[in-house]
Protein backbone atom coordinates (compact mmCIF):
# COMPACT_ATOMS: atom_id res chain seq x y z
CA MET A 1 -11.80 44.99 -8.55
CA ILE A 2 -14.63 46.02 -10.91
CA TYR A 3 -12.17 48.00 -13.02
CA GLU A 4 -9.69 45.13 -13.20
CA ALA A 5 -12.39 42.61 -14.11
CA ALA A 6 -13.85 44.89 -16.76
CA ILE A 7 -10.56 45.22 -18.62
CA ASP A 8 -9.47 41.57 -18.30
CA GLU A 9 -10.21 39.90 -21.62
CA ASP A 10 -8.65 36.60 -20.53
CA PHE A 11 -11.72 35.15 -18.83
CA PRO A 12 -11.59 31.39 -19.33
CA LEU A 13 -14.39 30.13 -21.54
CA ALA A 14 -15.72 26.60 -21.79
CA GLU A 15 -14.75 24.60 -24.81
CA SER A 16 -17.60 23.10 -26.81
CA ASP A 17 -16.24 19.57 -26.34
CA GLU A 18 -16.34 20.02 -22.55
CA VAL A 19 -19.96 21.09 -22.74
CA ALA A 20 -20.77 18.15 -25.01
CA ALA A 21 -19.07 15.81 -22.52
CA LEU A 22 -21.12 17.40 -19.75
CA GLY A 23 -24.25 16.53 -21.76
CA ARG A 24 -23.07 12.92 -21.65
CA ARG A 25 -22.75 13.31 -17.86
CA ASP A 26 -18.96 13.00 -17.88
CA PRO A 27 -17.76 13.78 -14.32
CA ALA A 28 -14.37 15.00 -15.58
CA ALA A 29 -16.09 17.57 -17.80
CA LEU A 30 -18.15 18.82 -14.87
CA ALA A 31 -15.05 19.06 -12.67
CA GLY A 32 -13.23 21.04 -15.36
CA LEU A 33 -16.11 23.46 -15.85
CA VAL A 34 -16.58 23.96 -12.11
CA GLU A 35 -12.88 24.70 -11.75
CA ARG A 36 -12.91 27.11 -14.69
CA TYR A 37 -15.95 29.13 -13.57
CA ARG A 38 -15.94 28.74 -9.79
CA HIS A 39 -14.47 32.14 -8.89
CA ARG A 40 -16.59 34.13 -11.32
CA LEU A 41 -19.80 32.31 -10.45
CA TYR A 42 -19.28 32.48 -6.69
CA ARG A 43 -18.37 36.18 -6.84
CA TYR A 44 -21.51 36.90 -8.86
CA LEU A 45 -23.74 35.00 -6.41
CA LEU A 46 -22.11 36.60 -3.38
CA ARG A 47 -22.65 40.07 -4.84
CA LEU A 48 -26.33 39.32 -5.32
CA VAL A 49 -27.21 37.66 -2.03
CA LYS A 50 -24.53 39.22 0.22
CA GLU A 51 -24.39 36.11 2.41
CA PRO A 52 -21.49 33.65 1.99
CA ALA A 53 -23.48 30.64 3.17
CA ALA A 54 -26.32 31.42 0.78
CA ALA A 55 -23.84 32.01 -2.05
CA ASP A 56 -22.29 28.59 -1.32
CA ASP A 57 -25.70 26.92 -1.45
CA LEU A 58 -26.65 28.73 -4.64
CA PHE A 59 -23.31 27.83 -6.20
CA GLN A 60 -23.99 24.14 -5.59
CA GLN A 61 -27.59 24.45 -6.70
CA THR A 62 -26.47 26.14 -9.93
CA TRP A 63 -24.13 23.29 -10.81
CA LEU A 64 -26.79 20.70 -10.01
CA ASN A 65 -29.13 22.54 -12.36
CA VAL A 66 -26.39 22.69 -15.01
CA VAL A 67 -26.08 18.91 -14.89
CA ARG A 68 -29.86 18.47 -15.01
CA GLN A 69 -30.26 20.89 -17.91
CA ALA A 70 -27.09 20.03 -19.86
CA GLY A 71 -29.12 18.49 -22.67
CA GLY A 72 -30.85 21.84 -23.20
CA PHE A 73 -27.65 23.75 -23.90
CA HIS A 74 -27.35 24.89 -27.51
CA ALA A 75 -23.86 24.79 -28.99
CA SER A 76 -24.46 28.15 -30.69
CA ALA A 77 -24.81 29.87 -27.30
CA ARG A 78 -22.00 30.89 -24.98
CA PHE A 79 -21.65 28.57 -22.01
CA ASP A 80 -20.95 31.35 -19.51
CA THR A 81 -24.14 33.19 -20.52
CA TRP A 82 -26.15 29.99 -20.07
CA LEU A 83 -24.42 29.25 -16.74
CA PHE A 84 -25.08 32.73 -15.37
CA SER A 85 -28.72 32.49 -16.49
CA ILE A 86 -29.12 29.39 -14.36
CA ALA A 87 -27.36 31.12 -11.44
CA HIS A 88 -29.54 34.21 -11.91
CA ASN A 89 -32.71 32.14 -11.68
CA ALA A 90 -31.51 30.41 -8.53
CA ALA A 91 -30.56 33.75 -6.93
CA VAL A 92 -33.89 35.34 -7.87
CA ASP A 93 -35.76 32.44 -6.26
CA TRP A 94 -33.63 32.80 -3.11
CA LEU A 95 -34.15 36.58 -2.96
CA ARG A 96 -37.89 36.17 -3.38
CA ARG A 97 -38.01 33.73 -0.47
CA LYS A 98 -35.92 36.06 1.67
CA SER A 99 -37.91 38.89 3.15
CA GLY A 100 -36.93 42.42 2.30
CA GLU A 101 -35.23 42.20 -1.09
CA SER A 102 -36.05 41.04 -4.57
CA LEU A 103 -34.63 41.73 -7.99
CA ASP A 104 -38.14 42.53 -9.22
CA GLU A 105 -39.13 44.98 -6.49
CA CYS A 106 -36.10 47.25 -6.56
CA GLU A 107 -36.52 48.55 -10.13
CA GLY A 108 -37.85 51.91 -8.94
CA ARG A 109 -35.21 52.41 -6.21
CA LEU A 110 -32.59 53.61 -6.59
CA ALA A 111 -7.97 51.94 -9.08
CA ALA A 112 -5.23 52.54 -9.84
CA ALA A 113 -2.49 51.08 -7.61
CA GLY A 114 0.60 53.21 -7.19
CA PRO A 115 4.13 52.00 -6.72
CA ASP A 116 4.44 53.26 -3.16
CA ALA A 117 2.81 52.09 0.06
CA LEU A 118 0.64 55.20 0.49
CA ALA A 119 -0.81 54.89 -3.01
CA ALA A 120 -1.48 51.19 -2.42
CA ALA A 121 -3.22 51.93 0.89
CA ILE A 122 -5.37 54.65 -0.68
CA SER A 123 -6.27 52.37 -3.59
CA HIS A 124 -7.24 49.58 -1.18
CA GLU A 125 -9.36 51.95 0.90
CA ARG A 126 -11.15 53.24 -2.21
CA ALA A 127 -11.82 49.69 -3.35
CA GLU A 128 -13.34 48.84 0.04
CA ILE A 129 -15.52 51.96 -0.05
CA LEU A 130 -16.65 51.18 -3.59
CA ALA A 131 -17.42 47.57 -2.68
CA ALA A 132 -19.44 48.73 0.33
CA GLU A 133 -21.40 51.22 -1.76
CA VAL A 134 -22.06 48.64 -4.48
CA GLY A 135 -23.20 46.25 -1.75
CA ALA A 136 -25.65 48.85 -0.46
CA LEU A 137 -27.38 49.13 -3.85
CA PRO A 138 -30.56 47.12 -4.46
CA ALA A 139 -29.93 43.58 -5.75
CA LEU A 140 -31.18 44.44 -9.22
CA TYR A 141 -28.48 47.08 -9.63
CA ARG A 142 -25.76 45.05 -7.91
CA GLU A 143 -26.44 42.32 -10.43
CA ALA A 144 -26.25 44.69 -13.40
CA LEU A 145 -22.91 46.14 -12.27
CA THR A 146 -21.47 42.75 -11.36
CA LEU A 147 -22.33 41.17 -14.69
CA ARG A 148 -21.17 44.20 -16.68
CA PHE A 149 -17.98 45.18 -14.91
CA GLU A 150 -16.81 42.18 -12.91
CA GLU A 151 -17.90 39.47 -15.33
CA GLY A 152 -17.21 41.57 -18.42
CA MET A 153 -20.46 40.61 -20.09
CA LYS A 154 -21.89 42.58 -22.97
CA LEU A 155 -25.27 44.20 -22.45
CA GLU A 156 -26.88 41.67 -24.79
CA GLU A 157 -25.47 38.81 -22.71
CA ILE A 158 -26.80 40.39 -19.53
CA ALA A 159 -30.23 40.58 -21.16
CA THR A 160 -30.01 36.86 -21.89
CA VAL A 161 -28.88 36.04 -18.35
CA THR A 162 -31.56 38.12 -16.65
CA GLY A 163 -34.32 37.45 -19.16
CA VAL A 164 -35.18 41.11 -19.69
CA PRO A 165 -35.08 43.32 -22.80
CA LEU A 166 -31.82 45.00 -23.79
CA SER A 167 -33.32 48.43 -23.09
CA THR A 168 -34.07 47.35 -19.52
CA VAL A 169 -30.48 46.18 -19.05
CA LYS A 170 -29.16 49.50 -20.34
CA SER A 171 -31.47 51.34 -17.98
CA ARG A 172 -30.44 49.20 -15.00
CA VAL A 173 -26.72 49.72 -15.64
CA GLN A 174 -27.24 53.45 -16.09
CA ARG A 175 -29.38 53.74 -12.95
CA ALA A 176 -26.94 51.62 -10.97
CA LEU A 177 -24.01 53.82 -11.99
CA GLU A 178 -25.99 56.97 -11.22
CA GLY A 179 -27.01 55.58 -7.83
CA LEU A 180 -23.41 54.66 -7.14
CA ARG A 181 -22.24 58.15 -8.12
CA GLN A 182 -24.82 59.72 -5.80
CA ARG A 183 -23.87 57.43 -2.93
CA MET A 184 -20.17 58.16 -3.42
CA ALA A 185 -20.78 61.93 -3.68
CA GLY A 186 -22.85 61.80 -0.49
CA ARG A 187 -20.11 59.84 1.25
CA TRP A 188 -17.45 62.37 0.29
CA ARG A 189 -19.61 65.31 1.43
CA LYS A 190 -20.18 63.65 4.81
CA GLU A 191 -16.47 62.98 5.25
CA ASP A 192 -15.63 66.58 4.31
CA LEU A 193 -17.98 67.84 7.04
CA LEU A 194 -16.32 65.71 9.73
C-alpha cells in the first residue's frame, strides 16, 4: 500500500473556491472537502494512533478544528498540508495524553502483484508483514513514513505539517526506513531459523 500511494499522483486536492466557501462556513464546501480527504486523513490518523476509535475521534476533531480555523488558511498554501498540520496537532495531543507513546519521546528510538494466485497471495502476505512492522515503529517514524509514502507529501510539506525543520524530517524518514529495514531483516532471519 505504501508503494502504491507513493506513486499515485492523482491525489484529489481541494480547489481554492471550496476553501474560500469553507471560510464562509458553507456546509456544502465542508461536505465536499470531507469526502475528498476522508480516506487519506483517516488512514494517516490510524497509522499514528493505531486505534480505530481514537482515529475516528481525531478525524472528527480535525474537521471541527478546520471549520474553527478556516479564516486562518492562506490561499498561497496547499490545503492538504494545512489539513494534515491540524490532524498532526490533534494526534500529538492525543499521544501525549496516552501513556507510553509520544511523537516527541521516540526521536532517539529507533509489491508487486503478479498475475497468478500464488503471486497475489505472496504480495498480500508481504504487505501485511510490512504493515505490521511499520505499525511496530515509534509514532514519530510511523508518521514520517505515512506522510512521505502513503500521502505522497514532499519533505518540505512534512516539515510544515509536523512543525519541525526540514533536516529533522529527512533524519526521521531515514531513521524510519533504516529501522524498518532492520526489523524486516530480523524477521527474515527468525523465519529462516524456524
